[in-house]
Amino acid sequence: MAEPAVTADRLASLTSWHADWKGLRVAVLGLADTGFSVADTLTELGADVLVVSEGASEEYAKLVPVIGARLHLGALDPVPAELTDFAPDVVIASPGFPPAHPVIRWVRERGIALWGDIELAWRVRDKVVRPDGSPAEWVLITGTNGKTTTTRLAATMLKEGGLRAAPCGNIGVPILDAVRDPAGFDVLVVELSSHQLWYLGLSALEGQPVPWASVCLNLADDHLEWHGSFDAYRDAKAIVYRNTRVACVYNKADEATMRMVEDADVVDGARAIGFDLGVPGPSDLGVVDGIVVDRAFLEDRRTSALELTTIADLAARDLAAPHVVANILAAAALARSLGTEPAAIRDALRGFRLDPHRIEIVARAGGITWVDDSKATNPHATASSLAAFPGAIWVVGGLLKGVDITDLVRTRGAQSKAAIVIGTDRTAVLEAFRRHAPAVPVFEVDDAQTEDVMARVVELAAQVAGEGDVVLLAPAAASFDQFRSYGDRGEKFAQAVRAWIERGTRDEHDDASSGTD
């Protein structure tokens, strides 16, 4: 194994696109969108790059040598000789690599610098600058649920207010693609997963982002198999507030986020800005008599408030579910911190639509409303869905990811008209209903019906549902046991609903055609 030649001083100097990256040996772990964006950036900088991954798409596997990097595809346990012989100066891991992964353990045991893509993006953020010569401001968004919606909302509001804003990060657009976009931006609105934040927690001072504003929307059990414990998950989420310069936005209804702000090491002068669905105090955003208001970003915030929108306007656009309103308040706080006017926020909301599979109304037919919230992959998200549709026929189950569903069933599930249980971890869900909601009728769709699971779900739901009922797909679990993704799960549900409606329409037509005068 070759000896790493890089010095600590050289690593500390790598804080600009224009620094000396040439010849730096960097191993990139993972070859999906994030890994490729990292490799592409590093080869452009002149680094010596080895990409190591268990698998990759054919497209990316072909592109790696084209951009001038080397590639090792294969098992990573034990650590492959290609990596040890390469003797990397820095390892940059895709966020899917957990702390307990053999390669991550190997890197940390040897004291090799370990970064994530967010740290690299911060170090090279000055590739494209604004007219005044400064790089784009960063706004950081995390939380157990609502990250993507809030990221899209904040970016939309900022754009409506006249700023060039790019949603990026965990939302699906690699942040390094945004940093290198030749058009340049005023603001990067960065969605961060707990995995990405864990890697930022390892950063040396020069690699730590210094955001304009930041928010943790909420905190609940999730990804415990990745982090190893809830405390580790919480600590990773809290990193979002570190070094914030202007606004630390937190959820007043979630005490954990307030404690994060209280404990955060921020830049002097940064303000704590709260939001919830209640009447706001000074320095907060909230709701007064059906009006969404800002009492944080105005001169006379002790005795007045600025109207941003109304609940009635949001309801007309299917944006009035309580958890969606909370996301709107958080996004508005971030946008207002950057000077976006209330009128621009109103205009942004008028054209905004939620992404698919987020409390999406699939159909209304036969007096039944069918709702796809397949993105509700954990109990916290599902609790919000059930609160928005009390008394729904609840489609629940999948891979629970080590999370206990008992409290959700006891507090929200007990109000359901019925439950239809799917997925690998059905036993835990069924037991929770048996113990904590025995009055709720429960129907089980077993694994033998995987190919047609949603057709069976819809058939059962239609038998139970009556006039005015809601059938809600909000699984509180991951989808990979039976589906390619939460999107595939939601689409299969929607297809089954449409097929059921079409059959009903056809049957009605056949009945009418068979009648006599």
Protein backbone atom coordinates (compact mmCIF):
# COMPACT_ATOMS: atom_id res chain seq x y z
CA MET A 1 0.00 0.00 0.00
CA ALA A 2 1.34 3.42 -0.97
CA GLU A 3 1.66 6.03 1.75
CA PRO A 4 -0.67 9.06 1.65
CA ALA A 5 1.41 12.09 0.68
CA VAL A 6 -1.03 14.87 1.50
CA THR A 7 -0.35 17.12 4.47
CA ALA A 8 -2.90 18.57 6.87
CA ASP A 9 -1.96 22.05 5.68
CA ARG A 10 -2.70 21.14 2.09
CA LEU A 11 -6.10 19.72 2.97
CA ALA A 12 -6.87 22.86 4.98
CA SER A 13 -5.98 24.98 1.95
CA LEU A 14 -8.58 23.31 -0.28
CA THR A 15 -11.29 25.91 0.23
CA SER A 16 -11.76 27.19 -3.31
CA TRP A 17 -12.34 25.93 -6.80
CA HIS A 18 -9.11 27.75 -7.64
CA ALA A 19 -7.01 25.97 -4.98
CA ASP A 20 -4.43 23.35 -5.96
CA TRP A 21 -6.40 20.10 -6.28
CA LYS A 22 -4.06 18.61 -8.88
CA GLY A 23 -2.78 15.13 -8.07
CA LEU A 24 -4.84 14.80 -4.89
CA ARG A 25 -5.74 11.11 -4.55
CA VAL A 26 -9.46 10.86 -3.87
CA ALA A 27 -11.52 7.70 -3.54
CA VAL A 28 -15.22 8.16 -4.26
CA LEU A 29 -17.55 5.64 -2.63
CA GLY A 30 -20.70 4.88 -4.58
CA LEU A 31 -21.68 5.47 -8.19
CA ALA A 32 -25.22 6.77 -8.36
CA ASP A 33 -26.10 10.42 -9.05
CA THR A 34 -24.17 11.78 -6.06
CA GLY A 35 -21.08 9.65 -6.59
CA PHE A 36 -20.85 10.50 -10.26
CA SER A 37 -21.23 14.24 -9.58
CA VAL A 38 -18.37 14.00 -7.06
CA ALA A 39 -16.11 12.10 -9.47
CA ASP A 40 -16.92 14.46 -12.33
CA THR A 41 -16.14 17.50 -10.18
CA LEU A 42 -12.86 16.09 -8.92
CA THR A 43 -11.55 15.11 -12.34
CA GLU A 44 -12.41 18.60 -13.58
CA LEU A 45 -10.31 19.93 -10.69
CA GLY A 46 -7.38 17.72 -11.70
CA ALA A 47 -7.53 15.21 -8.85
CA ASP A 48 -6.54 11.56 -9.25
CA VAL A 49 -9.86 9.75 -8.77
CA LEU A 50 -10.78 6.14 -8.03
CA VAL A 51 -14.50 5.31 -7.88
CA VAL A 52 -15.37 2.29 -5.76
CA SER A 53 -18.88 0.85 -5.82
CA GLU A 54 -20.68 -2.46 -5.42
CA GLY A 55 -22.73 -1.71 -8.51
CA ALA A 56 -23.63 1.02 -10.97
CA SER A 57 -25.85 1.77 -13.91
CA GLU A 58 -24.41 0.92 -17.31
CA GLU A 59 -24.41 4.62 -18.20
CA TYR A 60 -22.33 5.71 -15.22
CA ALA A 61 -19.97 2.74 -15.51
CA LYS A 62 -19.19 3.78 -19.09
CA LEU A 63 -18.82 7.47 -18.23
CA VAL A 64 -16.30 7.09 -15.40
CA PRO A 65 -13.30 6.31 -17.66
CA VAL A 66 -14.49 8.95 -20.12
CA ILE A 67 -14.16 11.69 -17.48
CA GLY A 68 -10.70 10.40 -16.55
CA ALA A 69 -11.36 8.42 -13.38
CA ARG A 70 -10.69 4.80 -12.53
CA LEU A 71 -13.44 2.41 -11.49
CA HIS A 72 -13.65 -0.65 -9.26
CA LEU A 73 -16.97 -2.48 -9.24
CA GLY A 74 -17.44 -5.36 -6.84
CA ALA A 75 -17.86 -6.41 -3.24
CA LEU A 76 -16.62 -3.93 -0.63
CA ASP A 77 -16.40 -6.36 2.27
CA PRO A 78 -13.56 -7.01 2.77
CA VAL A 79 -12.10 -3.67 1.70
CA PRO A 80 -10.84 -4.26 -1.86
CA ALA A 81 -7.13 -4.21 -2.62
CA GLU A 82 -7.75 -1.63 -5.35
CA LEU A 83 -8.72 0.85 -2.64
CA THR A 84 -5.98 0.03 -0.15
CA ASP A 85 -3.30 0.11 -2.87
CA PHE A 86 -4.61 3.46 -4.11
CA ALA A 87 -3.80 4.98 -0.68
CA PRO A 88 -6.31 7.83 -0.89
CA ASP A 89 -5.58 11.23 0.59
CA VAL A 90 -9.31 11.84 0.91
CA VAL A 91 -12.35 9.57 0.73
CA ILE A 92 -15.68 11.10 -0.31
CA ALA A 93 -18.62 8.86 0.50
CA SER A 94 -22.07 8.85 -1.01
CA PRO A 95 -24.69 9.24 1.75
CA GLY A 96 -25.83 5.64 1.45
CA PHE A 97 -22.68 4.42 3.23
CA PRO A 98 -23.50 4.08 6.97
CA PRO A 99 -20.93 4.60 9.74
CA ALA A 100 -20.73 0.84 10.32
CA HIS A 101 -19.86 0.01 6.70
CA PRO A 102 -16.53 -1.87 6.49
CA VAL A 103 -15.00 0.71 4.14
CA ILE A 104 -16.03 3.63 6.36
CA ARG A 105 -14.55 1.88 9.39
CA TRP A 106 -11.33 1.25 7.46
CA VAL A 107 -11.09 4.92 6.47
CA ARG A 108 -11.66 6.22 9.99
CA GLU A 109 -9.30 3.74 11.63
CA ARG A 110 -6.49 4.97 9.38
CA GLY A 111 -7.20 8.66 9.94
CA ILE A 112 -7.89 9.35 6.27
CA ALA A 113 -9.93 12.51 5.65
CA LEU A 114 -13.57 11.50 5.16
CA TRP A 115 -15.93 13.92 3.43
CA GLY A 116 -19.41 13.88 1.97
CA ASP A 117 -20.52 15.62 -1.22
CA ILE A 118 -21.84 18.60 0.76
CA GLU A 119 -18.41 19.38 2.19
CA LEU A 120 -16.80 19.18 -1.25
CA ALA A 121 -19.49 21.49 -2.63
CA TRP A 122 -18.87 24.04 0.13
CA ARG A 123 -15.12 23.98 -0.51
CA VAL A 124 -15.57 24.67 -4.25
CA ARG A 125 -18.64 26.92 -4.02
CA ASP A 126 -16.83 29.84 -5.70
CA LYS A 127 -16.57 28.25 -9.16
CA VAL A 128 -19.39 30.51 -10.37
CA VAL A 129 -19.91 33.75 -8.47
CA ARG A 130 -22.45 36.56 -8.39
CA PRO A 131 -21.80 39.97 -9.97
CA ASP A 132 -20.28 41.20 -6.70
CA GLY A 133 -17.78 38.34 -6.76
CA SER A 134 -19.34 36.35 -3.93
CA PRO A 135 -20.65 32.78 -4.21
CA ALA A 136 -24.31 31.89 -3.74
CA GLU A 137 -25.78 31.96 -0.25
CA TRP A 138 -26.82 28.61 1.19
CA VAL A 139 -30.10 27.79 2.93
CA LEU A 140 -30.15 24.37 4.62
CA ILE A 141 -33.29 22.27 5.17
CA THR A 142 -33.68 19.02 7.06
CA GLY A 143 -36.25 17.19 9.17
CA THR A 144 -37.73 13.74 9.44
CA ASN A 145 -40.56 14.73 7.10
CA GLY A 146 -41.41 17.58 4.75
CA LYS A 147 -37.87 18.29 3.52
CA THR A 148 -38.53 18.07 -0.20
CA THR A 149 -41.79 20.01 -0.10
CA THR A 150 -40.21 22.76 1.99
CA THR A 151 -37.16 22.90 -0.27
CA ARG A 152 -39.35 23.29 -3.35
CA LEU A 153 -41.52 25.87 -1.60
CA ALA A 154 -38.58 27.98 -0.45
CA ALA A 155 -36.93 27.91 -3.88
CA THR A 156 -40.22 28.82 -5.56
CA MET A 157 -40.77 31.74 -3.18
CA LEU A 158 -37.23 33.03 -3.65
CA LYS A 159 -37.54 32.84 -7.44
CA GLU A 160 -40.86 34.68 -7.32
CA GLY A 161 -39.09 37.32 -5.25
CA GLY A 162 -36.52 37.88 -7.98
CA LEU A 163 -33.60 35.77 -6.79
CA ARG A 164 -31.95 33.01 -8.80
CA ALA A 165 -32.52 30.04 -6.52
CA ALA A 166 -31.77 26.35 -7.08
CA PRO A 167 -33.27 23.48 -5.07
CA CYS A 168 -30.56 20.84 -4.70
CA GLY A 169 -29.03 18.19 -2.48
CA ASN A 170 -31.12 15.29 -1.25
CA ILE A 171 -34.03 16.52 -3.38
CA GLY A 172 -32.51 14.70 -6.36
CA VAL A 173 -30.30 17.37 -7.97
CA PRO A 174 -26.71 16.85 -6.76
CA ILE A 175 -25.45 19.99 -5.09
CA LEU A 176 -22.22 19.84 -7.09
CA ASP A 177 -24.25 20.14 -10.29
CA ALA A 178 -25.78 23.34 -8.91
CA VAL A 179 -22.40 24.70 -7.78
CA ARG A 180 -20.95 24.12 -11.27
CA ASP A 181 -23.95 25.44 -13.22
CA PRO A 182 -22.47 28.15 -15.47
CA ALA A 183 -25.59 30.30 -15.11
CA GLY A 184 -24.88 30.77 -11.40
CA PHE A 185 -27.31 31.35 -8.56
CA ASP A 186 -28.00 33.82 -5.77
CA VAL A 187 -29.18 31.11 -3.37
CA LEU A 188 -28.79 27.35 -3.14
CA VAL A 189 -31.71 25.81 -1.25
CA VAL A 190 -30.13 22.61 0.02
CA GLU A 191 -32.16 19.64 1.23
CA LEU A 192 -30.05 17.55 3.60
CA SER A 193 -30.66 14.01 4.79
CA SER A 194 -29.48 12.84 8.19
CA HIS A 195 -26.86 10.79 6.32
CA GLN A 196 -25.39 13.87 4.64
CA LEU A 197 -25.45 15.75 7.94
CA TRP A 198 -23.60 12.91 9.68
CA TYR A 199 -20.76 13.33 7.20
CA LEU A 200 -20.78 17.10 7.76
CA GLY A 201 -20.36 16.37 11.45
CA LEU A 202 -16.91 14.97 10.64
CA SER A 203 -15.80 18.12 8.81
CA ALA A 204 -12.83 20.22 9.78
CA LEU A 205 -13.64 23.89 10.31
CA GLU A 206 -12.69 24.89 6.76
CA GLY A 207 -15.11 22.31 5.34
CA GLN A 208 -18.13 23.35 7.38
CA PRO A 209 -20.88 25.27 5.57
CA VAL A 210 -21.78 28.69 6.94
CA PRO A 211 -25.40 29.00 5.81
CA TRP A 212 -27.52 32.13 5.63
CA ALA A 213 -30.46 30.30 7.21
CA SER A 214 -31.33 26.79 8.31
CA VAL A 215 -34.27 24.73 9.54
CA CYS A 216 -35.01 21.36 11.09
CA LEU A 217 -38.71 20.89 10.40
CA ASN A 218 -39.41 18.10 12.89
CA LEU A 219 -37.82 15.09 14.52
CA ALA A 220 -39.11 11.53 14.94
CA ASP A 221 -37.74 7.99 14.76
CA ASP A 222 -36.34 7.19 11.32
CA HIS A 223 -33.23 5.64 9.76
CA LEU A 224 -32.31 4.04 13.08
CA GLU A 225 -30.73 1.11 11.25
CA TRP A 226 -28.32 3.57 9.57
CA HIS A 227 -27.41 5.67 12.62
CA GLY A 228 -27.60 2.94 15.23
CA SER A 229 -29.71 4.91 17.72
CA PHE A 230 -32.19 7.75 17.96
CA ASP A 231 -29.65 9.91 19.81
CA ALA A 232 -27.18 9.56 16.94
CA TYR A 233 -29.93 10.40 14.44
CA ARG A 234 -30.93 13.49 16.45
CA ASP A 235 -27.33 14.65 16.78
CA ALA A 236 -26.87 14.39 13.01
CA LYS A 237 -29.99 16.44 12.34
CA ALA A 238 -28.84 19.14 14.77
CA ILE A 239 -25.75 19.84 12.65
CA VAL A 240 -27.99 21.73 10.21
CA TYR A 241 -27.91 24.78 12.51
CA ARG A 242 -24.13 24.91 12.96
CA ASN A 243 -22.54 28.21 11.82
CA THR A 244 -25.88 29.74 10.73
CA ARG A 245 -25.47 33.47 10.18
CA VAL A 246 -28.96 35.01 10.00
CA ALA A 247 -31.97 32.78 10.80
CA CYS A 248 -32.29 29.50 12.70
CA VAL A 249 -35.86 28.45 11.90
CA TYR A 250 -37.45 25.89 14.21
CA ASN A 251 -40.80 24.21 14.81
CA LYS A 252 -42.45 25.52 17.99
CA ALA A 253 -44.65 22.41 18.04
CA ASP A 254 -41.56 20.17 18.17
CA GLU A 255 -39.51 20.87 21.27
CA ALA A 256 -36.55 18.88 19.97
CA THR A 257 -35.95 21.40 17.19
CA MET A 258 -36.04 24.28 19.67
CA ARG A 259 -33.42 22.55 21.81
CA MET A 260 -31.26 22.08 18.72
CA VAL A 261 -31.28 25.84 18.14
CA GLU A 262 -30.56 26.58 21.80
CA ASP A 263 -27.54 24.26 21.72
CA ALA A 264 -26.24 25.25 18.28
CA ASP A 265 -22.91 26.99 17.74
CA VAL A 266 -24.06 29.81 15.45
CA VAL A 267 -22.62 33.09 14.21
CA ASP A 268 -23.21 36.02 16.58
CA GLY A 269 -26.38 37.85 15.59
CA ALA A 270 -28.24 34.85 14.18
CA ARG A 271 -31.91 34.91 15.21
CA ALA A 272 -34.16 32.07 16.32
CA ILE A 273 -37.37 32.15 14.24
CA GLY A 274 -40.25 29.91 15.32
CA PHE A 275 -43.23 28.64 13.36
CA ASP A 276 -46.36 26.67 14.15
CA LEU A 277 -50.08 26.66 13.38
CA GLY A 278 -50.94 28.81 16.39
CA VAL A 279 -50.94 32.56 16.98
CA PRO A 280 -47.32 33.70 16.56
CA GLY A 281 -45.35 35.73 19.02
CA PRO A 282 -42.78 38.33 17.99
CA SER A 283 -40.04 36.69 15.87
CA ASP A 284 -42.43 33.91 14.81
CA LEU A 285 -44.65 32.93 11.89
CA GLY A 286 -48.07 31.38 12.45
CA VAL A 287 -51.80 31.53 11.80
CA VAL A 288 -54.33 34.07 13.11
CA ASP A 289 -58.03 33.63 12.32
CA GLY A 290 -57.28 31.68 9.16
CA ILE A 291 -54.57 34.09 7.99
CA VAL A 292 -50.94 32.98 7.65
CA VAL A 293 -48.81 35.79 9.06
CA ASP A 294 -45.21 36.86 9.63
CA ARG A 295 -44.26 38.56 12.90
CA ALA A 296 -40.54 37.99 12.48
CA PHE A 297 -39.35 40.03 9.50
CA LEU A 298 -40.89 43.48 9.95
CA GLU A 299 -39.89 46.54 11.93
CA ASP A 300 -42.84 46.68 14.33
CA ARG A 301 -43.10 42.99 15.08
CA ARG A 302 -44.35 43.47 18.63
CA THR A 303 -47.68 45.02 17.65
CA SER A 304 -48.25 44.06 14.01
CA ALA A 305 -47.99 41.23 11.48
CA LEU A 306 -47.72 40.81 7.72
CA GLU A 307 -50.27 38.68 5.86
CA LEU A 308 -48.68 36.04 3.63
CA THR A 309 -51.73 34.02 2.53
CA THR A 310 -54.95 32.55 3.91
CA ILE A 311 -55.96 29.02 4.79
CA ALA A 312 -58.92 29.41 2.41
CA ASP A 313 -56.58 30.21 -0.49
CA LEU A 314 -54.41 27.22 0.41
CA ALA A 315 -57.44 24.92 0.65
CA ALA A 316 -58.45 25.90 -2.89
CA ARG A 317 -55.10 24.48 -4.04
CA ASP A 318 -55.11 21.34 -1.84
CA LEU A 319 -52.39 22.88 0.35
CA ALA A 320 -54.28 23.26 3.62
CA ALA A 321 -53.41 19.97 5.35
CA PRO A 322 -51.83 20.96 8.69
CA HIS A 323 -48.40 19.50 7.93
CA VAL A 324 -48.35 21.23 4.53
CA VAL A 325 -49.20 24.57 6.17
CA ALA A 326 -46.32 23.97 8.58
CA ASN A 327 -43.99 23.42 5.62
CA ILE A 328 -45.27 26.63 4.03
CA LEU A 329 -44.55 28.57 7.22
CA ALA A 330 -41.01 27.18 7.41
CA ALA A 331 -40.32 27.96 3.75
CA ALA A 332 -41.76 31.45 4.14
CA ALA A 333 -39.48 32.09 7.12
CA LEU A 334 -36.44 31.13 5.05
CA ALA A 335 -37.57 33.23 2.09
CA ARG A 336 -38.42 36.23 4.27
CA SER A 337 -34.96 36.05 5.86
CA LEU A 338 -33.57 36.77 2.38
CA GLY A 339 -35.91 39.70 1.81
CA THR A 340 -38.69 38.06 -0.22
CA GLU A 341 -41.79 40.25 -0.07
CA PRO A 342 -45.16 38.91 1.16
CA ALA A 343 -46.72 39.48 -2.28
CA ALA A 344 -44.09 37.23 -3.87
CA ILE A 345 -44.84 34.51 -1.33
CA ARG A 346 -48.56 34.74 -2.12
CA ASP A 347 -47.88 34.55 -5.85
CA ALA A 348 -45.54 31.59 -5.42
CA LEU A 349 -48.18 29.65 -3.50
CA ARG A 350 -50.83 30.31 -6.13
CA GLY A 351 -48.86 28.32 -8.68
CA PHE A 352 -47.41 25.67 -6.36
CA ARG A 353 -48.37 22.02 -6.55
CA LEU A 354 -47.23 19.21 -4.29
CA ASP A 355 -45.07 16.48 -5.79
CA PRO A 356 -46.81 13.21 -6.63
CA HIS A 357 -47.46 10.73 -3.81
CA ARG A 358 -47.72 13.46 -1.16
CA ILE A 359 -51.36 13.55 0.01
CA GLU A 360 -52.28 13.42 -3.67
CA ILE A 361 -55.96 12.94 -4.41
CA VAL A 362 -55.97 10.16 -6.98
CA ALA A 363 -59.70 10.14 -7.65
CA ARG A 364 -63.14 10.90 -6.31
CA ALA A 365 -65.71 8.35 -7.43
CA GLY A 366 -68.80 6.71 -6.00
CA GLY A 367 -68.66 9.03 -3.01
CA ILE A 368 -65.16 7.76 -2.09
CA THR A 369 -61.99 9.88 -2.09
CA TRP A 370 -58.78 7.96 -2.81
CA VAL A 371 -55.59 9.60 -1.45
CA ASP A 372 -52.00 8.60 -2.25
CA ASP A 373 -49.51 9.57 0.44
CA SER A 374 -47.03 6.82 -0.37
CA LYS A 375 -44.21 9.23 0.57
CA ALA A 376 -45.32 8.80 4.21
CA THR A 377 -42.62 6.20 4.86
CA ASN A 378 -42.42 6.58 8.65
CA PRO A 379 -44.87 6.96 11.55
CA HIS A 380 -44.30 10.71 11.94
CA ALA A 381 -45.29 11.45 8.34
CA THR A 382 -48.24 9.10 8.54
CA ALA A 383 -49.51 10.73 11.73
CA SER A 384 -49.79 13.98 9.79
CA SER A 385 -51.71 12.23 7.02
CA LEU A 386 -54.12 10.59 9.43
CA ALA A 387 -54.64 13.92 11.18
CA ALA A 388 -55.59 15.45 7.83
CA PHE A 389 -58.06 12.61 7.11
CA PRO A 390 -59.51 11.39 10.42
CA GLY A 391 -61.65 8.30 10.12
CA ALA A 392 -60.03 7.20 6.87
CA ILE A 393 -59.70 3.63 5.67
CA TRP A 394 -55.97 3.32 6.24
CA VAL A 395 -53.64 1.33 3.97
CA VAL A 396 -50.55 0.66 6.10
CA GLY A 397 -47.40 -1.47 6.10
CA GLY A 398 -44.17 -2.35 4.32
CA LEU A 399 -40.63 -2.31 5.76
CA LEU A 400 -40.69 -0.60 9.16
CA LYS A 401 -36.90 0.06 9.22
CA GLY A 402 -36.66 -0.87 12.89
CA VAL A 403 -39.24 1.73 13.93
CA ASP A 404 -42.02 0.92 16.42
CA ILE A 405 -45.48 1.64 15.02
CA THR A 406 -47.32 1.12 18.32
CA ASP A 407 -47.78 4.79 19.26
CA LEU A 408 -49.07 5.65 15.79
CA VAL A 409 -51.70 2.91 15.93
CA ARG A 410 -52.74 3.87 19.45
CA THR A 411 -52.97 7.63 18.88
CA ARG A 412 -54.08 7.90 15.24
CA GLY A 413 -54.84 4.46 13.89
CA ALA A 414 -57.52 3.84 16.50
CA GLN A 415 -59.62 6.54 14.81
CA SER A 416 -59.55 4.76 11.44
CA LYS A 417 -62.73 3.29 9.99
CA ALA A 418 -60.69 0.25 8.94
CA ALA A 419 -57.10 -0.77 8.26
CA ILE A 420 -55.72 -2.73 5.33
CA VAL A 421 -52.28 -4.12 6.18
CA ILE A 422 -49.64 -4.88 3.53
CA GLY A 423 -45.93 -5.65 3.44
CA THR A 424 -43.24 -7.79 4.98
CA ASP A 425 -43.60 -6.40 8.51
CA ARG A 426 -47.33 -7.08 8.70
CA THR A 427 -47.09 -9.03 11.95
CA ALA A 428 -45.92 -5.99 13.93
CA VAL A 429 -48.72 -3.86 12.48
CA LEU A 430 -51.39 -6.49 13.10
CA GLU A 431 -50.21 -6.96 16.68
CA ALA A 432 -50.30 -3.20 17.29
CA PHE A 433 -53.92 -3.07 16.16
CA ARG A 434 -54.82 -6.14 18.21
CA ARG A 435 -53.40 -4.60 21.37
CA HIS A 436 -54.12 -0.90 20.95
CA ALA A 437 -57.01 -0.52 18.49
CA PRO A 438 -59.04 -3.73 18.74
CA ALA A 439 -62.25 -2.04 17.63
CA VAL A 440 -60.83 -1.18 14.19
CA PRO A 441 -61.63 -3.78 11.49
CA VAL A 442 -58.31 -5.01 10.07
CA PHE A 443 -57.77 -6.74 6.72
CA GLU A 444 -54.51 -8.43 5.73
CA VAL A 445 -53.10 -8.65 2.21
CA ASP A 446 -50.48 -11.39 2.30
CA ASP A 447 -47.15 -11.67 0.45
CA ALA A 448 -48.52 -14.25 -1.96
CA GLN A 449 -50.42 -11.42 -3.60
CA THR A 450 -47.39 -9.17 -4.15
CA GLU A 451 -47.88 -8.72 -7.90
CA ASP A 452 -51.49 -7.68 -7.45
CA VAL A 453 -51.27 -6.32 -3.93
CA MET A 454 -52.78 -2.92 -4.75
CA ALA A 455 -55.62 -4.40 -6.76
CA ARG A 456 -56.51 -6.45 -3.68
CA VAL A 457 -56.11 -3.38 -1.44
CA VAL A 458 -58.51 -1.35 -3.58
CA GLU A 459 -61.00 -4.23 -3.76
CA LEU A 460 -61.05 -4.54 0.04
CA ALA A 461 -61.24 -0.78 0.58
CA ALA A 462 -64.15 -0.43 -1.83
CA GLN A 463 -66.05 -3.10 0.08
CA VAL A 464 -65.61 -1.21 3.36
CA ALA A 465 -65.97 2.37 2.13
CA GLY A 466 -69.23 4.24 2.04
CA GLU A 467 -70.45 7.64 0.90
CA GLY A 468 -68.04 10.36 2.05
CA ASP A 469 -65.22 8.03 3.10
CA VAL A 470 -61.52 8.50 2.38
CA VAL A 471 -59.17 5.63 1.49
CA LEU A 472 -55.68 6.75 2.50
CA LEU A 473 -52.44 5.09 1.40
CA ALA A 474 -50.03 6.27 4.11
CA PRO A 475 -47.91 3.18 4.82
CA ALA A 476 -45.63 4.43 7.64
CA ALA A 477 -43.01 2.11 6.14
CA ALA A 478 -40.52 1.80 3.32
CA SER A 479 -41.62 0.23 0.04
CA PHE A 480 -38.72 -1.96 -1.06
CA ASP A 481 -40.22 -5.23 0.13
CA GLN A 482 -42.87 -5.19 -2.60
CA PHE A 483 -42.17 -2.18 -4.84
CA ARG A 484 -39.26 -0.43 -6.55
CA SER A 485 -39.80 2.77 -4.58
CA TYR A 486 -42.44 4.76 -2.75
CA GLY A 487 -43.28 6.29 -6.13
CA ASP A 488 -43.85 2.86 -7.67
CA ARG A 489 -46.03 1.93 -4.69
CA GLY A 490 -48.13 5.07 -5.12
CA GLU A 491 -48.44 4.61 -8.86
CA LYS A 492 -49.54 0.99 -8.43
CA PHE A 493 -52.19 2.21 -5.99
CA ALA A 494 -53.40 4.89 -8.41
CA GLN A 495 -53.51 2.39 -11.28
CA ALA A 496 -55.59 0.00 -9.18
CA VAL A 497 -57.98 2.80 -8.23
CA ARG A 498 -58.42 3.84 -11.85
CA ALA A 499 -58.99 0.23 -12.89
CA TRP A 500 -61.64 -0.18 -10.17
CA ILE A 501 -63.41 3.00 -11.28
CA GLU A 502 -63.28 1.91 -14.92
CA ARG A 503 -64.76 -1.48 -14.05
CA GLY A 504 -67.54 0.18 -12.13
CA THR A 505 -68.32 2.54 -15.00
CA ARG A 506 -68.28 -0.32 -17.49
CA ASP A 507 -70.57 -2.42 -15.28
CA GLU A 508 -73.02 0.48 -15.00
CA HIS A 509 -72.99 0.87 -18.79
CA ASP A 510 -73.55 -2.88 -19.28
CA ASP A 511 -76.44 -2.83 -16.82
CA ALA A 512 -78.03 0.08 -18.64
CA SER A 513 -77.54 -1.57 -22.03
CA SER A 514 -79.24 -4.77 -20.89
CA GLY A 515 -82.43 -2.98 -19.80
CA THR A 516 -85.71 -3.05 -21.81
CA ASP A 517 -88.36 -0.45 -22.49
